[in-house]
């Protein structure tokens, strides 16, 4: 099992900033509080649930069920935010907003970008050792 990478171990750009889908400070704090095993268990569960949420969102979009899209997006927004997955949380917040407003085109557009943001988020979690290799 690869050790989780802490923010001070990350490679930096010329400006000293690493572009990321994650707030590493949030993950570092969770790592300190929970320990590696518990944090990895939580992130593994999050990644598993994320796949189910993306599938459900696509299904409900096909049914034009904006209330259910908003509910799932709200849950995703909170879960992602709690783990420091800021880009995913922000994308889910936009999806929730558009779904609640009944904006069909904007809901569909927001949902189009979500899977790639989710993929990049999971890839970064994995790259940094926050997800088990068998997830």
C-alpha atoms as a PDB file:
ATOM      1  CA  UNK A   1       0.000   0.000   0.000  1.00  0.00           C
ATOM      2  CA  UNK A   2       1.509   3.288  -1.118  1.00  0.00           C
ATOM      3  CA  UNK A   3       1.780   6.019   1.520  1.00  0.00           C
ATOM      4  CA  UNK A   4      -0.390   9.093   0.982  1.00  0.00           C
ATOM      5  CA  UNK A   5       1.508  12.082  -0.380  1.00  0.00           C
ATOM      6  CA  UNK A   6       1.415  15.168   1.815  1.00  0.00           C
ATOM      7  CA  UNK A   7       1.172  18.680   0.369  1.00  0.00           C
ATOM      8  CA  UNK A   8       4.747  19.586   1.269  1.00  0.00           C
ATOM      9  CA  UNK A   9       5.952  16.569  -0.775  1.00  0.00           C
ATOM     10  CA  UNK A  10       4.295  17.706  -4.015  1.00  0.00           C
ATOM     11  CA  UNK A  11       6.240  18.873  -7.058  1.00  0.00           C
ATOM     12  CA  UNK A  12       5.767  22.588  -7.694  1.00  0.00           C
ATOM     13  CA  UNK A  13       5.470  24.749 -10.799  1.00  0.00           C
ATOM     14  CA  UNK A  14       7.857  27.649 -11.329  1.00  0.00           C
ATOM     15  CA  UNK A  15       5.502  29.775  -9.235  1.00  0.00           C
ATOM     16  CA  UNK A  16       5.508  27.272  -6.383  1.00  0.00           C
ATOM     17  CA  UNK A  17       1.906  26.230  -7.099  1.00  0.00           C
ATOM     18  CA  UNK A  18       0.719  22.780  -8.114  1.00  0.00           C
ATOM     19  CA  UNK A  19      -2.423  22.673 -10.262  1.00  0.00           C
ATOM     20  CA  UNK A  20      -4.796  20.188  -8.710  1.00  0.00           C
ATOM     21  CA  UNK A  21      -8.379  19.001  -8.534  1.00  0.00           C
ATOM     22  CA  UNK A  22      -7.901  18.544  -4.798  1.00  0.00           C
ATOM     23  CA  UNK A  23      -7.329  20.730  -1.780  1.00  0.00           C
ATOM     24  CA  UNK A  24      -4.360  18.834  -0.410  1.00  0.00           C
ATOM     25  CA  UNK A  25      -4.477  20.720   2.889  1.00  0.00           C
ATOM     26  CA  UNK A  26      -7.941  19.271   3.560  1.00  0.00           C
ATOM     27  CA  UNK A  27      -6.680  15.780   2.780  1.00  0.00           C
ATOM     28  CA  UNK A  28      -3.586  16.312   4.949  1.00  0.00           C
ATOM     29  CA  UNK A  29      -5.802  17.387   7.836  1.00  0.00           C
ATOM     30  CA  UNK A  30      -8.048  14.356   7.360  1.00  0.00           C
ATOM     31  CA  UNK A  31      -4.956  12.159   7.223  1.00  0.00           C
ATOM     32  CA  UNK A  32      -3.748  13.586  10.538  1.00  0.00           C
ATOM     33  CA  UNK A  33      -7.153  13.149  12.182  1.00  0.00           C
ATOM     34  CA  UNK A  34      -8.202   9.780  10.755  1.00  0.00           C
ATOM     35  CA  UNK A  35      -4.966   8.052   9.903  1.00  0.00           C
ATOM     36  CA  UNK A  36      -4.088   6.494   6.577  1.00  0.00           C
ATOM     37  CA  UNK A  37      -6.243   3.364   6.839  1.00  0.00           C
ATOM     38  CA  UNK A  38      -9.480   5.167   7.775  1.00  0.00           C
ATOM     39  CA  UNK A  39      -8.955   7.946   5.245  1.00  0.00           C
ATOM     40  CA  UNK A  40      -8.289   5.421   2.494  1.00  0.00           C
ATOM     41  CA  UNK A  41     -11.445   3.541   3.490  1.00  0.00           C
ATOM     42  CA  UNK A  42     -13.459   6.759   3.204  1.00  0.00           C
ATOM     43  CA  UNK A  43     -11.955   7.735  -0.149  1.00  0.00           C
ATOM     44  CA  UNK A  44     -12.464   4.206  -1.490  1.00  0.00           C
ATOM     45  CA  UNK A  45     -16.125   4.399  -0.505  1.00  0.00           C
ATOM     46  CA  UNK A  46     -16.422   7.860  -2.059  1.00  0.00           C
ATOM     47  CA  UNK A  47     -14.927   6.630  -5.350  1.00  0.00           C
ATOM     48  CA  UNK A  48     -17.264   3.625  -5.409  1.00  0.00           C
ATOM     49  CA  UNK A  49     -20.300   5.789  -4.688  1.00  0.00           C
ATOM     50  CA  UNK A  50     -19.180   8.332  -7.298  1.00  0.00           C
ATOM     51  CA  UNK A  51     -19.533   5.786 -10.077  1.00  0.00           C
ATOM     52  CA  UNK A  52     -23.072   4.964  -8.977  1.00  0.00           C
ATOM     53  CA  UNK A  53     -23.952   8.659  -8.713  1.00  0.00           C
ATOM     54  CA  UNK A  54     -22.707   9.410 -12.239  1.00  0.00           C
ATOM     55  CA  UNK A  55     -24.750   6.521 -13.626  1.00  0.00           C
ATOM     56  CA  UNK A  56     -27.855   7.643 -11.733  1.00  0.00           C
ATOM     57  CA  UNK A  57     -27.399  11.247 -12.886  1.00  0.00           C
ATOM     58  CA  UNK A  58     -27.273  10.150 -16.534  1.00  0.00           C
ATOM     59  CA  UNK A  59     -30.378   8.001 -16.049  1.00  0.00           C
ATOM     60  CA  UNK A  60     -32.341  10.828 -14.417  1.00  0.00           C
ATOM     61  CA  UNK A  61     -31.238  13.276 -17.097  1.00  0.00           C
ATOM     62  CA  UNK A  62     -32.759  10.948 -19.686  1.00  0.00           C
ATOM     63  CA  UNK A  63     -35.978  11.011 -17.669  1.00  0.00           C
ATOM     64  CA  UNK A  64     -35.821  14.804 -17.202  1.00  0.00           C
ATOM     65  CA  UNK A  65     -36.073  14.220 -13.445  1.00  0.00           C
ATOM     66  CA  UNK A  66     -34.517  17.472 -12.289  1.00  0.00           C
ATOM     67  CA  UNK A  67     -35.517  16.996  -8.659  1.00  0.00           C
ATOM     68  CA  UNK A  68     -33.585  13.738  -8.430  1.00  0.00           C
ATOM     69  CA  UNK A  69     -30.624  15.212 -10.317  1.00  0.00           C
ATOM     70  CA  UNK A  70     -30.540  18.078  -7.811  1.00  0.00           C
ATOM     71  CA  UNK A  71     -30.694  15.645  -4.882  1.00  0.00           C
ATOM     72  CA  UNK A  72     -27.826  13.501  -6.191  1.00  0.00           C
ATOM     73  CA  UNK A  73     -25.781  16.568  -7.158  1.00  0.00           C
ATOM     74  CA  UNK A  74     -26.281  18.004  -3.665  1.00  0.00           C
ATOM     75  CA  UNK A  75     -25.005  14.783  -2.096  1.00  0.00           C
ATOM     76  CA  UNK A  76     -22.034  14.691  -4.474  1.00  0.00           C
ATOM     77  CA  UNK A  77     -21.246  18.348  -3.762  1.00  0.00           C
ATOM     78  CA  UNK A  78     -21.082  17.683  -0.027  1.00  0.00           C
ATOM     79  CA  UNK A  79     -19.120  14.456  -0.231  1.00  0.00           C
ATOM     80  CA  UNK A  80     -16.582  15.920  -2.625  1.00  0.00           C
ATOM     81  CA  UNK A  81     -16.262  19.087  -0.573  1.00  0.00           C
ATOM     82  CA  UNK A  82     -15.674  17.120   2.627  1.00  0.00           C
ATOM     83  CA  UNK A  83     -12.739  15.340   0.950  1.00  0.00           C
ATOM     84  CA  UNK A  84     -11.280  18.501  -0.528  1.00  0.00           C
ATOM     85  CA  UNK A  85     -12.276  17.566  -4.087  1.00  0.00           C
ATOM     86  CA  UNK A  86     -13.009  21.194  -4.870  1.00  0.00           C
ATOM     87  CA  UNK A  87     -13.364  21.053  -8.658  1.00  0.00           C
ATOM     88  CA  UNK A  88     -15.830  18.178  -8.379  1.00  0.00           C
ATOM     89  CA  UNK A  89     -17.740  19.896  -5.571  1.00  0.00           C
ATOM     90  CA  UNK A  90     -18.021  23.108  -7.597  1.00  0.00           C
ATOM     91  CA  UNK A  91     -19.172  21.227 -10.713  1.00  0.00           C
ATOM     92  CA  UNK A  92     -21.786  19.361  -8.651  1.00  0.00           C
ATOM     93  CA  UNK A  93     -22.944  22.672  -7.127  1.00  0.00           C
ATOM     94  CA  UNK A  94     -23.472  24.132 -10.598  1.00  0.00           C
ATOM     95  CA  UNK A  95     -25.385  21.026 -11.653  1.00  0.00           C
ATOM     96  CA  UNK A  96     -27.553  21.229  -8.550  1.00  0.00           C
ATOM     97  CA  UNK A  97     -28.289  24.919  -9.164  1.00  0.00           C
ATOM     98  CA  UNK A  98     -29.335  24.350 -12.785  1.00  0.00           C
ATOM     99  CA  UNK A  99     -31.432  21.289 -11.937  1.00  0.00           C
ATOM    100  CA  UNK A 100     -33.252  23.098  -9.116  1.00  0.00           C
ATOM    101  CA  UNK A 101     -33.989  25.982 -11.480  1.00  0.00           C
ATOM    102  CA  UNK A 102     -35.380  23.534 -14.069  1.00  0.00           C
ATOM    103  CA  UNK A 103     -32.841  24.708 -16.647  1.00  0.00           C
ATOM    104  CA  UNK A 104     -32.788  21.620 -18.859  1.00  0.00           C
ATOM    105  CA  UNK A 105     -30.075  22.771 -21.280  1.00  0.00           C
ATOM    106  CA  UNK A 106     -27.748  24.028 -18.544  1.00  0.00           C
ATOM    107  CA  UNK A 107     -28.367  20.877 -16.488  1.00  0.00           C
ATOM    108  CA  UNK A 108     -27.414  18.721 -19.477  1.00  0.00           C
ATOM    109  CA  UNK A 109     -24.375  20.882 -20.169  1.00  0.00           C
ATOM    110  CA  UNK A 110     -23.213  20.703 -16.550  1.00  0.00           C
ATOM    111  CA  UNK A 111     -23.688  16.959 -16.518  1.00  0.00           C
ATOM    112  CA  UNK A 112     -21.587  16.617 -19.678  1.00  0.00           C
ATOM    113  CA  UNK A 113     -18.484  17.945 -17.922  1.00  0.00           C
ATOM    114  CA  UNK A 114     -18.962  16.093 -14.628  1.00  0.00           C
ATOM    115  CA  UNK A 115     -17.611  12.647 -15.634  1.00  0.00           C
ATOM    116  CA  UNK A 116     -14.268  14.066 -16.795  1.00  0.00           C
ATOM    117  CA  UNK A 117     -13.874  16.124 -13.632  1.00  0.00           C
ATOM    118  CA  UNK A 118     -14.726  13.012 -11.619  1.00  0.00           C
ATOM    119  CA  UNK A 119     -12.194  10.960 -13.589  1.00  0.00           C
ATOM    120  CA  UNK A 120      -9.451  13.530 -13.028  1.00  0.00           C
ATOM    121  CA  UNK A 121     -10.322  13.747  -9.333  1.00  0.00           C
ATOM    122  CA  UNK A 122     -10.154   9.988  -8.878  1.00  0.00           C
ATOM    123  CA  UNK A 123      -6.909   9.832 -10.850  1.00  0.00           C
ATOM    124  CA  UNK A 124      -5.356  12.455  -8.590  1.00  0.00           C
ATOM    125  CA  UNK A 125      -6.614  10.748  -5.425  1.00  0.00           C
ATOM    126  CA  UNK A 126      -5.075   7.528  -6.695  1.00  0.00           C
ATOM    127  CA  UNK A 127      -1.832   9.165  -7.817  1.00  0.00           C
ATOM    128  CA  UNK A 128      -1.386  10.675  -4.372  1.00  0.00           C
ATOM    129  CA  UNK A 129      -2.102   7.389  -2.604  1.00  0.00           C
ATOM    130  CA  UNK A 130      -5.461   8.292  -1.086  1.00  0.00           C
ATOM    131  CA  UNK A 131      -7.312   5.461  -2.895  1.00  0.00           C
ATOM    132  CA  UNK A 132      -6.518   1.762  -2.587  1.00  0.00           C
ATOM    133  CA  UNK A 133      -4.972   0.256  -5.678  1.00  0.00           C
ATOM    134  CA  UNK A 134      -7.792  -2.300  -5.911  1.00  0.00           C
ATOM    135  CA  UNK A 135     -10.559   0.376  -6.023  1.00  0.00           C
END
